[in-house]
């Protein structure tokens, strides 16, 4: 067992409360099952996994709702279901290179969407910004003023 402290904060009617207590934390699944029982240990693991999965689904809803055009619920549901195939609770998904992601999506776009995207990219390129990062690519610094002398 590992000793930790757990703190909870809450403000009631403008008065802040903070309570800190010691907590013995099991360090293995076997130890947790021994201390709390297998049913409680499994129930808590499943509950935490469901909360994590719900957060992932909400991120898909946010991304789908902000897409141009917004995705419908059926499309968002299919994306979330396909993401679930490789999902493990508590394990961050590998970051995808934004260019690779864009190219992968490009193939599934309609001709009209492809044309709109190409036009947007050309516009961004002409404006001197990176369309994938939203950052200025023109890194030239203004000339320094000469000291008066």
N, C-alpha and C. Protein backbone atom coordinates (compact mmCIF):
# COMPACT_ATOMS: atom_id res chain seq x y z
N UNK A 1 0.85 -1.18 0.00
CA UNK A 1 0.00 0.00 0.00
C UNK A 1 0.89 1.24 0.00
N UNK A 2 0.40 2.26 -0.67
CA UNK A 2 1.11 3.53 -0.74
C UNK A 2 0.26 4.58 -0.03
N UNK A 3 0.89 5.35 0.82
CA UNK A 3 0.18 6.41 1.54
C UNK A 3 0.11 7.66 0.69
N UNK A 4 -1.09 8.18 0.51
CA UNK A 4 -1.31 9.43 -0.22
C UNK A 4 -2.20 10.31 0.63
N UNK A 5 -2.32 11.55 0.22
CA UNK A 5 -3.31 12.42 0.86
C UNK A 5 -4.31 12.82 -0.21
N UNK A 6 -5.55 12.91 0.20
CA UNK A 6 -6.63 13.31 -0.71
C UNK A 6 -7.26 14.56 -0.14
N UNK A 7 -7.39 15.58 -1.00
CA UNK A 7 -7.96 16.86 -0.59
C UNK A 7 -9.21 17.14 -1.40
N UNK A 8 -10.24 17.62 -0.72
CA UNK A 8 -11.47 18.04 -1.38
C UNK A 8 -11.75 19.48 -0.96
N UNK A 9 -12.17 20.30 -1.93
CA UNK A 9 -12.47 21.70 -1.66
C UNK A 9 -13.90 21.99 -2.07
N UNK A 10 -14.57 22.82 -1.30
CA UNK A 10 -15.93 23.23 -1.63
C UNK A 10 -16.19 24.57 -0.97
N UNK A 11 -16.89 25.44 -1.70
CA UNK A 11 -17.27 26.74 -1.13
C UNK A 11 -18.77 26.73 -0.90
N UNK A 12 -19.15 27.06 0.32
CA UNK A 12 -20.56 27.12 0.69
C UNK A 12 -20.86 28.54 1.18
N UNK A 13 -21.80 29.19 0.52
CA UNK A 13 -22.19 30.56 0.87
C UNK A 13 -20.98 31.48 1.00
N UNK A 14 -20.02 31.35 0.07
CA UNK A 14 -18.85 32.22 0.05
C UNK A 14 -17.73 31.80 0.98
N UNK A 15 -17.95 30.78 1.80
CA UNK A 15 -16.92 30.31 2.72
C UNK A 15 -16.25 29.07 2.13
N UNK A 16 -14.93 29.15 1.89
CA UNK A 16 -14.23 27.99 1.33
C UNK A 16 -13.91 26.95 2.41
N UNK A 17 -14.10 25.70 2.07
CA UNK A 17 -13.75 24.59 2.96
C UNK A 17 -12.76 23.71 2.22
N UNK A 18 -11.79 23.21 2.96
CA UNK A 18 -10.81 22.30 2.39
C UNK A 18 -10.50 21.23 3.43
N UNK A 19 -10.69 19.97 3.05
CA UNK A 19 -10.43 18.86 3.95
C UNK A 19 -9.41 17.94 3.30
N UNK A 20 -8.36 17.59 4.04
CA UNK A 20 -7.33 16.67 3.55
C UNK A 20 -7.25 15.50 4.51
N UNK A 21 -7.28 14.29 3.94
CA UNK A 21 -7.18 13.09 4.77
C UNK A 21 -6.16 12.13 4.17
N UNK A 22 -5.53 11.29 5.01
CA UNK A 22 -4.60 10.28 4.48
C UNK A 22 -5.41 9.15 3.84
N UNK A 23 -4.81 8.51 2.84
CA UNK A 23 -5.49 7.43 2.13
C UNK A 23 -4.47 6.39 1.73
N UNK A 24 -4.69 5.15 2.14
CA UNK A 24 -3.80 4.04 1.75
C UNK A 24 -4.29 3.48 0.42
N UNK A 25 -3.44 3.59 -0.60
CA UNK A 25 -3.81 3.20 -1.96
C UNK A 25 -3.15 1.88 -2.32
N UNK A 26 -3.95 0.90 -2.72
CA UNK A 26 -3.36 -0.35 -3.19
C UNK A 26 -2.49 -0.09 -4.42
N UNK A 27 -1.41 -0.86 -4.54
CA UNK A 27 -0.48 -0.66 -5.64
C UNK A 27 -0.62 -1.69 -6.75
N UNK A 28 -1.42 -2.70 -6.54
CA UNK A 28 -1.65 -3.71 -7.58
C UNK A 28 -3.13 -4.07 -7.61
N UNK A 29 -3.56 -4.67 -8.70
CA UNK A 29 -4.93 -5.13 -8.82
C UNK A 29 -5.23 -6.19 -7.76
N UNK A 30 -4.27 -7.05 -7.51
CA UNK A 30 -4.44 -8.10 -6.50
C UNK A 30 -4.63 -7.48 -5.11
N UNK A 31 -3.83 -6.47 -4.82
CA UNK A 31 -3.93 -5.79 -3.52
C UNK A 31 -5.27 -5.07 -3.40
N UNK A 32 -5.73 -4.42 -4.46
CA UNK A 32 -7.02 -3.73 -4.43
C UNK A 32 -8.15 -4.72 -4.21
N UNK A 33 -8.08 -5.86 -4.88
CA UNK A 33 -9.11 -6.89 -4.72
C UNK A 33 -9.11 -7.45 -3.31
N UNK A 34 -7.94 -7.56 -2.73
CA UNK A 34 -7.82 -8.08 -1.37
C UNK A 34 -8.40 -7.08 -0.37
N UNK A 35 -8.13 -5.79 -0.56
CA UNK A 35 -8.59 -4.75 0.37
C UNK A 35 -10.09 -4.47 0.20
N UNK A 36 -10.54 -4.31 -1.03
CA UNK A 36 -11.92 -3.88 -1.28
C UNK A 36 -12.83 -5.00 -1.79
N UNK A 37 -12.26 -6.10 -2.23
CA UNK A 37 -13.04 -7.18 -2.82
C UNK A 37 -13.04 -7.06 -4.34
N UNK A 38 -13.18 -8.19 -5.01
CA UNK A 38 -13.13 -8.21 -6.47
C UNK A 38 -14.29 -7.45 -7.09
N UNK A 39 -15.50 -7.60 -6.54
CA UNK A 39 -16.67 -6.94 -7.11
C UNK A 39 -16.53 -5.42 -7.07
N UNK A 40 -16.10 -4.89 -5.94
CA UNK A 40 -15.94 -3.43 -5.80
C UNK A 40 -14.84 -2.94 -6.72
N UNK A 41 -13.73 -3.66 -6.76
CA UNK A 41 -12.61 -3.27 -7.62
C UNK A 41 -13.03 -3.25 -9.08
N UNK A 42 -13.72 -4.30 -9.54
CA UNK A 42 -14.18 -4.35 -10.92
C UNK A 42 -15.22 -3.26 -11.19
N UNK A 43 -16.15 -3.09 -10.27
CA UNK A 43 -17.20 -2.08 -10.45
C UNK A 43 -16.61 -0.68 -10.61
N UNK A 44 -15.62 -0.36 -9.79
CA UNK A 44 -14.97 0.95 -9.89
C UNK A 44 -14.17 1.09 -11.18
N UNK A 45 -13.51 0.03 -11.60
CA UNK A 45 -12.76 0.07 -12.86
C UNK A 45 -13.71 0.28 -14.03
N UNK A 46 -14.84 -0.42 -14.04
CA UNK A 46 -15.82 -0.28 -15.12
C UNK A 46 -16.43 1.11 -15.10
N UNK A 47 -16.75 1.63 -13.92
CA UNK A 47 -17.31 2.99 -13.81
C UNK A 47 -16.35 4.03 -14.36
N UNK A 48 -15.08 3.92 -14.00
CA UNK A 48 -14.07 4.87 -14.49
C UNK A 48 -13.93 4.75 -16.01
N UNK A 49 -13.99 3.53 -16.55
CA UNK A 49 -13.87 3.32 -17.99
C UNK A 49 -15.07 3.94 -18.72
N UNK A 50 -16.27 3.80 -18.16
CA UNK A 50 -17.46 4.38 -18.78
C UNK A 50 -17.35 5.90 -18.82
N UNK A 51 -16.91 6.51 -17.72
CA UNK A 51 -16.75 7.97 -17.68
C UNK A 51 -15.72 8.41 -18.73
N UNK A 52 -14.62 7.68 -18.84
CA UNK A 52 -13.59 8.00 -19.84
C UNK A 52 -14.14 7.87 -21.25
N UNK A 53 -14.91 6.83 -21.51
CA UNK A 53 -15.51 6.62 -22.83
C UNK A 53 -16.51 7.73 -23.15
N UNK A 54 -17.32 8.11 -22.16
CA UNK A 54 -18.28 9.21 -22.38
C UNK A 54 -17.56 10.50 -22.74
N UNK A 55 -16.43 10.77 -22.10
CA UNK A 55 -15.65 11.97 -22.42
C UNK A 55 -15.15 11.90 -23.86
N UNK A 56 -14.71 10.73 -24.29
CA UNK A 56 -14.26 10.55 -25.67
C UNK A 56 -15.40 10.77 -26.66
N UNK A 57 -16.59 10.27 -26.33
CA UNK A 57 -17.74 10.46 -27.21
C UNK A 57 -18.09 11.95 -27.28
N UNK A 58 -18.03 12.65 -26.14
CA UNK A 58 -18.31 14.09 -26.14
C UNK A 58 -17.32 14.84 -27.03
N UNK A 59 -16.05 14.42 -27.01
CA UNK A 59 -15.06 15.05 -27.89
C UNK A 59 -15.42 14.83 -29.36
N UNK A 60 -15.94 13.63 -29.70
CA UNK A 60 -16.36 13.36 -31.08
C UNK A 60 -17.57 14.22 -31.44
N UNK A 61 -18.50 14.40 -30.49
CA UNK A 61 -19.67 15.26 -30.74
C UNK A 61 -19.21 16.70 -30.97
N UNK A 62 -18.30 17.18 -30.13
CA UNK A 62 -17.78 18.55 -30.30
C UNK A 62 -17.14 18.71 -31.68
N UNK A 63 -16.28 17.77 -32.03
CA UNK A 63 -15.58 17.85 -33.32
C UNK A 63 -16.57 17.76 -34.48
N UNK A 64 -17.54 16.86 -34.38
CA UNK A 64 -18.53 16.71 -35.44
C UNK A 64 -19.44 17.91 -35.58
N UNK A 65 -19.81 18.50 -34.44
CA UNK A 65 -20.68 19.66 -34.46
C UNK A 65 -20.00 20.91 -34.99
N UNK A 66 -18.67 20.97 -34.83
CA UNK A 66 -17.91 22.13 -35.29
C UNK A 66 -17.38 21.94 -36.71
N UNK A 67 -17.54 20.75 -37.26
CA UNK A 67 -17.04 20.47 -38.62
C UNK A 67 -17.81 21.31 -39.63
N UNK A 68 -17.21 21.47 -40.80
CA UNK A 68 -17.89 22.20 -41.87
C UNK A 68 -18.08 21.25 -43.03
N UNK A 69 -19.28 20.85 -43.37
CA UNK A 69 -20.52 21.09 -42.64
C UNK A 69 -20.58 20.21 -41.39
N UNK A 70 -21.43 20.58 -40.40
CA UNK A 70 -21.53 19.75 -39.19
C UNK A 70 -21.96 18.32 -39.54
N UNK A 71 -21.42 17.37 -38.81
CA UNK A 71 -21.77 15.97 -39.04
C UNK A 71 -23.08 15.66 -38.30
N UNK A 72 -23.83 14.70 -38.83
CA UNK A 72 -25.06 14.32 -38.13
C UNK A 72 -24.74 13.27 -37.08
N UNK A 73 -25.70 12.99 -36.22
CA UNK A 73 -25.50 12.06 -35.10
C UNK A 73 -25.09 10.67 -35.59
N UNK A 74 -25.68 10.21 -36.68
CA UNK A 74 -25.33 8.87 -37.19
C UNK A 74 -23.86 8.81 -37.58
N UNK A 75 -23.36 9.86 -38.22
CA UNK A 75 -21.95 9.89 -38.64
C UNK A 75 -21.02 9.97 -37.43
N UNK A 76 -21.40 10.81 -36.45
CA UNK A 76 -20.61 10.92 -35.22
C UNK A 76 -20.59 9.59 -34.48
N UNK A 77 -21.73 8.92 -34.45
CA UNK A 77 -21.83 7.61 -33.78
C UNK A 77 -20.90 6.59 -34.45
N UNK A 78 -20.87 6.57 -35.76
CA UNK A 78 -19.99 5.64 -36.49
C UNK A 78 -18.52 5.94 -36.21
N UNK A 79 -18.16 7.23 -36.15
CA UNK A 79 -16.79 7.61 -35.84
C UNK A 79 -16.42 7.13 -34.44
N UNK A 80 -17.31 7.37 -33.48
CA UNK A 80 -17.04 6.96 -32.09
C UNK A 80 -16.93 5.44 -31.99
N UNK A 81 -17.79 4.71 -32.69
CA UNK A 81 -17.74 3.25 -32.67
C UNK A 81 -16.45 2.73 -33.29
N UNK A 82 -16.00 3.36 -34.38
CA UNK A 82 -14.76 2.89 -35.00
C UNK A 82 -13.55 3.21 -34.11
N UNK A 83 -13.60 4.35 -33.41
CA UNK A 83 -12.52 4.70 -32.48
C UNK A 83 -12.44 3.70 -31.32
N UNK A 84 -13.58 3.13 -30.94
CA UNK A 84 -13.64 2.21 -29.81
C UNK A 84 -12.85 0.92 -30.07
N UNK A 85 -12.67 0.55 -31.34
CA UNK A 85 -11.98 -0.69 -31.67
C UNK A 85 -10.57 -0.75 -31.06
N UNK A 86 -9.87 0.39 -31.00
CA UNK A 86 -8.50 0.41 -30.48
C UNK A 86 -8.39 1.16 -29.15
N UNK A 87 -9.52 1.49 -28.54
CA UNK A 87 -9.53 2.30 -27.32
C UNK A 87 -9.22 1.47 -26.08
N UNK A 88 -8.43 2.06 -25.19
CA UNK A 88 -8.17 1.47 -23.88
C UNK A 88 -8.33 2.58 -22.87
N UNK A 89 -9.11 2.35 -21.80
CA UNK A 89 -9.31 3.42 -20.82
C UNK A 89 -8.00 3.87 -20.20
N UNK A 90 -7.85 5.18 -20.10
CA UNK A 90 -6.67 5.75 -19.45
C UNK A 90 -5.44 5.82 -20.34
N UNK A 91 -5.54 5.35 -21.59
CA UNK A 91 -4.41 5.38 -22.50
C UNK A 91 -4.71 6.42 -23.58
N UNK A 92 -3.88 7.45 -23.65
CA UNK A 92 -4.09 8.51 -24.64
C UNK A 92 -3.90 7.96 -26.05
N UNK A 93 -4.74 8.41 -26.94
CA UNK A 93 -4.62 8.00 -28.34
C UNK A 93 -3.36 8.62 -28.93
N UNK A 94 -2.76 7.90 -29.84
CA UNK A 94 -1.56 8.42 -30.51
C UNK A 94 -1.94 9.67 -31.30
N UNK A 95 -1.08 10.65 -31.25
CA UNK A 95 -1.31 11.88 -31.98
C UNK A 95 -1.13 11.61 -33.47
N UNK A 96 -2.03 12.15 -34.25
CA UNK A 96 -1.96 12.01 -35.69
C UNK A 96 -1.35 13.27 -36.28
N UNK A 97 -0.46 13.09 -37.22
CA UNK A 97 0.12 14.22 -37.92
C UNK A 97 -1.01 14.95 -38.64
N UNK A 98 -1.14 16.27 -38.47
CA UNK A 98 -2.27 16.98 -39.08
C UNK A 98 -2.31 16.87 -40.60
N UNK A 99 -1.17 16.81 -41.25
CA UNK A 99 -1.16 16.67 -42.72
C UNK A 99 -1.67 15.29 -43.11
N UNK A 100 -1.21 14.25 -42.39
CA UNK A 100 -1.69 12.89 -42.67
C UNK A 100 -3.20 12.80 -42.45
N UNK A 101 -3.69 13.43 -41.38
CA UNK A 101 -5.12 13.40 -41.08
C UNK A 101 -5.92 14.09 -42.19
N UNK A 102 -5.42 15.23 -42.64
CA UNK A 102 -6.10 15.97 -43.70
C UNK A 102 -6.14 15.15 -44.99
N UNK A 103 -5.02 14.54 -45.34
CA UNK A 103 -4.97 13.74 -46.56
C UNK A 103 -5.89 12.53 -46.47
N UNK A 104 -5.98 11.92 -45.29
CA UNK A 104 -6.87 10.77 -45.12
C UNK A 104 -8.33 11.19 -45.27
N UNK A 105 -8.68 12.35 -44.76
CA UNK A 105 -10.05 12.85 -44.88
C UNK A 105 -10.36 13.31 -46.29
N UNK A 106 -9.36 13.81 -46.99
CA UNK A 106 -9.54 14.37 -48.33
C UNK A 106 -10.19 13.34 -49.28
N UNK A 107 -9.73 12.10 -49.20
CA UNK A 107 -10.25 11.06 -50.09
C UNK A 107 -11.74 10.82 -49.90
N UNK A 108 -12.26 11.05 -48.71
CA UNK A 108 -13.68 10.82 -48.44
C UNK A 108 -14.57 12.02 -48.70
N UNK A 109 -13.97 13.13 -49.14
CA UNK A 109 -14.75 14.34 -49.37
C UNK A 109 -15.41 14.31 -50.75
N UNK A 110 -16.52 15.05 -50.84
CA UNK A 110 -17.16 15.23 -52.14
C UNK A 110 -16.28 16.16 -52.98
N UNK A 111 -16.54 16.19 -54.28
CA UNK A 111 -15.76 17.07 -55.15
C UNK A 111 -15.93 18.53 -54.72
N UNK A 112 -17.14 18.89 -54.30
CA UNK A 112 -17.40 20.26 -53.86
C UNK A 112 -16.58 20.58 -52.60
N UNK A 113 -16.56 19.66 -51.64
CA UNK A 113 -15.79 19.87 -50.42
C UNK A 113 -14.30 19.97 -50.72
N UNK A 114 -13.83 19.13 -51.64
CA UNK A 114 -12.41 19.18 -52.02
C UNK A 114 -12.07 20.54 -52.61
N UNK A 115 -12.94 21.03 -53.49
CA UNK A 115 -12.72 22.33 -54.12
C UNK A 115 -12.69 23.45 -53.08
N UNK A 116 -13.63 23.39 -52.11
CA UNK A 116 -13.67 24.41 -51.05
C UNK A 116 -12.39 24.37 -50.21
N UNK A 117 -11.95 23.16 -49.88
CA UNK A 117 -10.73 23.02 -49.07
C UNK A 117 -9.52 23.55 -49.83
N UNK A 118 -9.40 23.21 -51.09
CA UNK A 118 -8.27 23.68 -51.89
C UNK A 118 -8.27 25.20 -51.97
N UNK A 119 -9.46 25.78 -52.16
CA UNK A 119 -9.57 27.25 -52.21
C UNK A 119 -9.15 27.87 -50.88
N UNK A 120 -9.57 27.26 -49.77
CA UNK A 120 -9.19 27.77 -48.44
C UNK A 120 -7.68 27.68 -48.23
N UNK A 121 -7.09 26.56 -48.66
CA UNK A 121 -5.65 26.39 -48.50
C UNK A 121 -4.88 27.41 -49.33
N UNK A 122 -5.34 27.64 -50.56
CA UNK A 122 -4.69 28.64 -51.41
C UNK A 122 -4.77 30.01 -50.78
N UNK A 123 -5.95 30.34 -50.24
CA UNK A 123 -6.14 31.65 -49.60
C UNK A 123 -5.21 31.81 -48.40
N UNK A 124 -5.11 30.76 -47.59
CA UNK A 124 -4.22 30.80 -46.43
C UNK A 124 -2.76 30.93 -46.86
N UNK A 125 -2.39 30.19 -47.89
CA UNK A 125 -1.01 30.23 -48.37
C UNK A 125 -0.66 31.62 -48.87
N UNK A 126 -1.58 32.24 -49.58
CA UNK A 126 -1.33 33.58 -50.10
C UNK A 126 -1.24 34.61 -48.97
N UNK A 127 -1.93 34.34 -47.86
CA UNK A 127 -1.92 35.27 -46.72
C UNK A 127 -0.68 35.07 -45.85
N UNK A 128 0.13 34.05 -46.15
CA UNK A 128 1.36 33.82 -45.38
C UNK A 128 1.15 33.11 -44.06
N UNK A 129 0.12 32.27 -43.98
CA UNK A 129 -0.07 31.51 -42.74
C UNK A 129 -0.14 30.03 -43.06
N UNK A 130 0.11 29.24 -42.05
CA UNK A 130 0.06 27.79 -42.18
C UNK A 130 -1.38 27.37 -41.91
N UNK A 131 -2.11 26.87 -42.89
CA UNK A 131 -3.53 26.54 -42.71
C UNK A 131 -3.75 25.41 -41.72
N UNK A 132 -2.75 24.58 -41.49
CA UNK A 132 -2.93 23.46 -40.58
C UNK A 132 -2.64 23.84 -39.14
N UNK A 133 -1.87 24.86 -38.93
CA UNK A 133 -1.50 25.23 -37.57
C UNK A 133 -2.08 26.58 -37.16
N UNK A 134 -2.49 27.38 -38.11
CA UNK A 134 -3.02 28.70 -37.80
C UNK A 134 -1.95 29.65 -37.32
N UNK A 135 -0.70 29.37 -37.64
CA UNK A 135 0.42 30.21 -37.19
C UNK A 135 1.04 30.89 -38.39
N UNK A 136 1.57 32.03 -38.16
CA UNK A 136 2.24 32.75 -39.23
C UNK A 136 3.50 31.98 -39.65
N UNK A 137 3.69 31.86 -40.96
CA UNK A 137 4.88 31.18 -41.45
C UNK A 137 5.94 32.17 -41.89
N UNK A 138 5.55 33.43 -42.03
CA UNK A 138 6.51 34.46 -42.40
C UNK A 138 7.30 34.81 -41.15
N UNK A 139 8.51 34.29 -41.05
CA UNK A 139 9.31 34.47 -39.84
C UNK A 139 10.31 35.60 -39.95
N UNK A 140 10.25 36.35 -41.05
CA UNK A 140 11.19 37.46 -41.23
C UNK A 140 10.94 38.50 -40.14
N UNK A 141 12.03 38.95 -39.52
CA UNK A 141 11.92 39.94 -38.45
C UNK A 141 12.15 41.33 -39.03
N UNK A 142 11.44 42.31 -38.48
CA UNK A 142 11.66 43.67 -38.99
C UNK A 142 13.10 44.10 -38.70
N UNK A 143 13.62 44.93 -39.58
CA UNK A 143 14.99 45.42 -39.41
C UNK A 143 15.10 46.22 -38.12
N UNK A 144 16.23 46.05 -37.43
CA UNK A 144 16.45 46.79 -36.19
C UNK A 144 16.76 48.24 -36.52
N UNK A 145 16.28 49.10 -35.66
CA UNK A 145 16.59 50.52 -35.86
C UNK A 145 18.04 50.76 -35.51
N UNK A 146 18.67 51.63 -36.29
CA UNK A 146 20.05 51.97 -36.04
C UNK A 146 20.11 52.93 -34.85
N UNK A 147 21.05 52.71 -33.92
CA UNK A 147 21.16 53.64 -32.79
C UNK A 147 21.55 55.03 -33.28
N UNK A 148 20.99 56.01 -32.61
CA UNK A 148 21.33 57.40 -32.95
C UNK A 148 22.75 57.68 -32.49
N UNK A 149 23.48 58.39 -33.30
CA UNK A 149 24.87 58.60 -32.91
C UNK A 149 25.51 59.77 -33.46
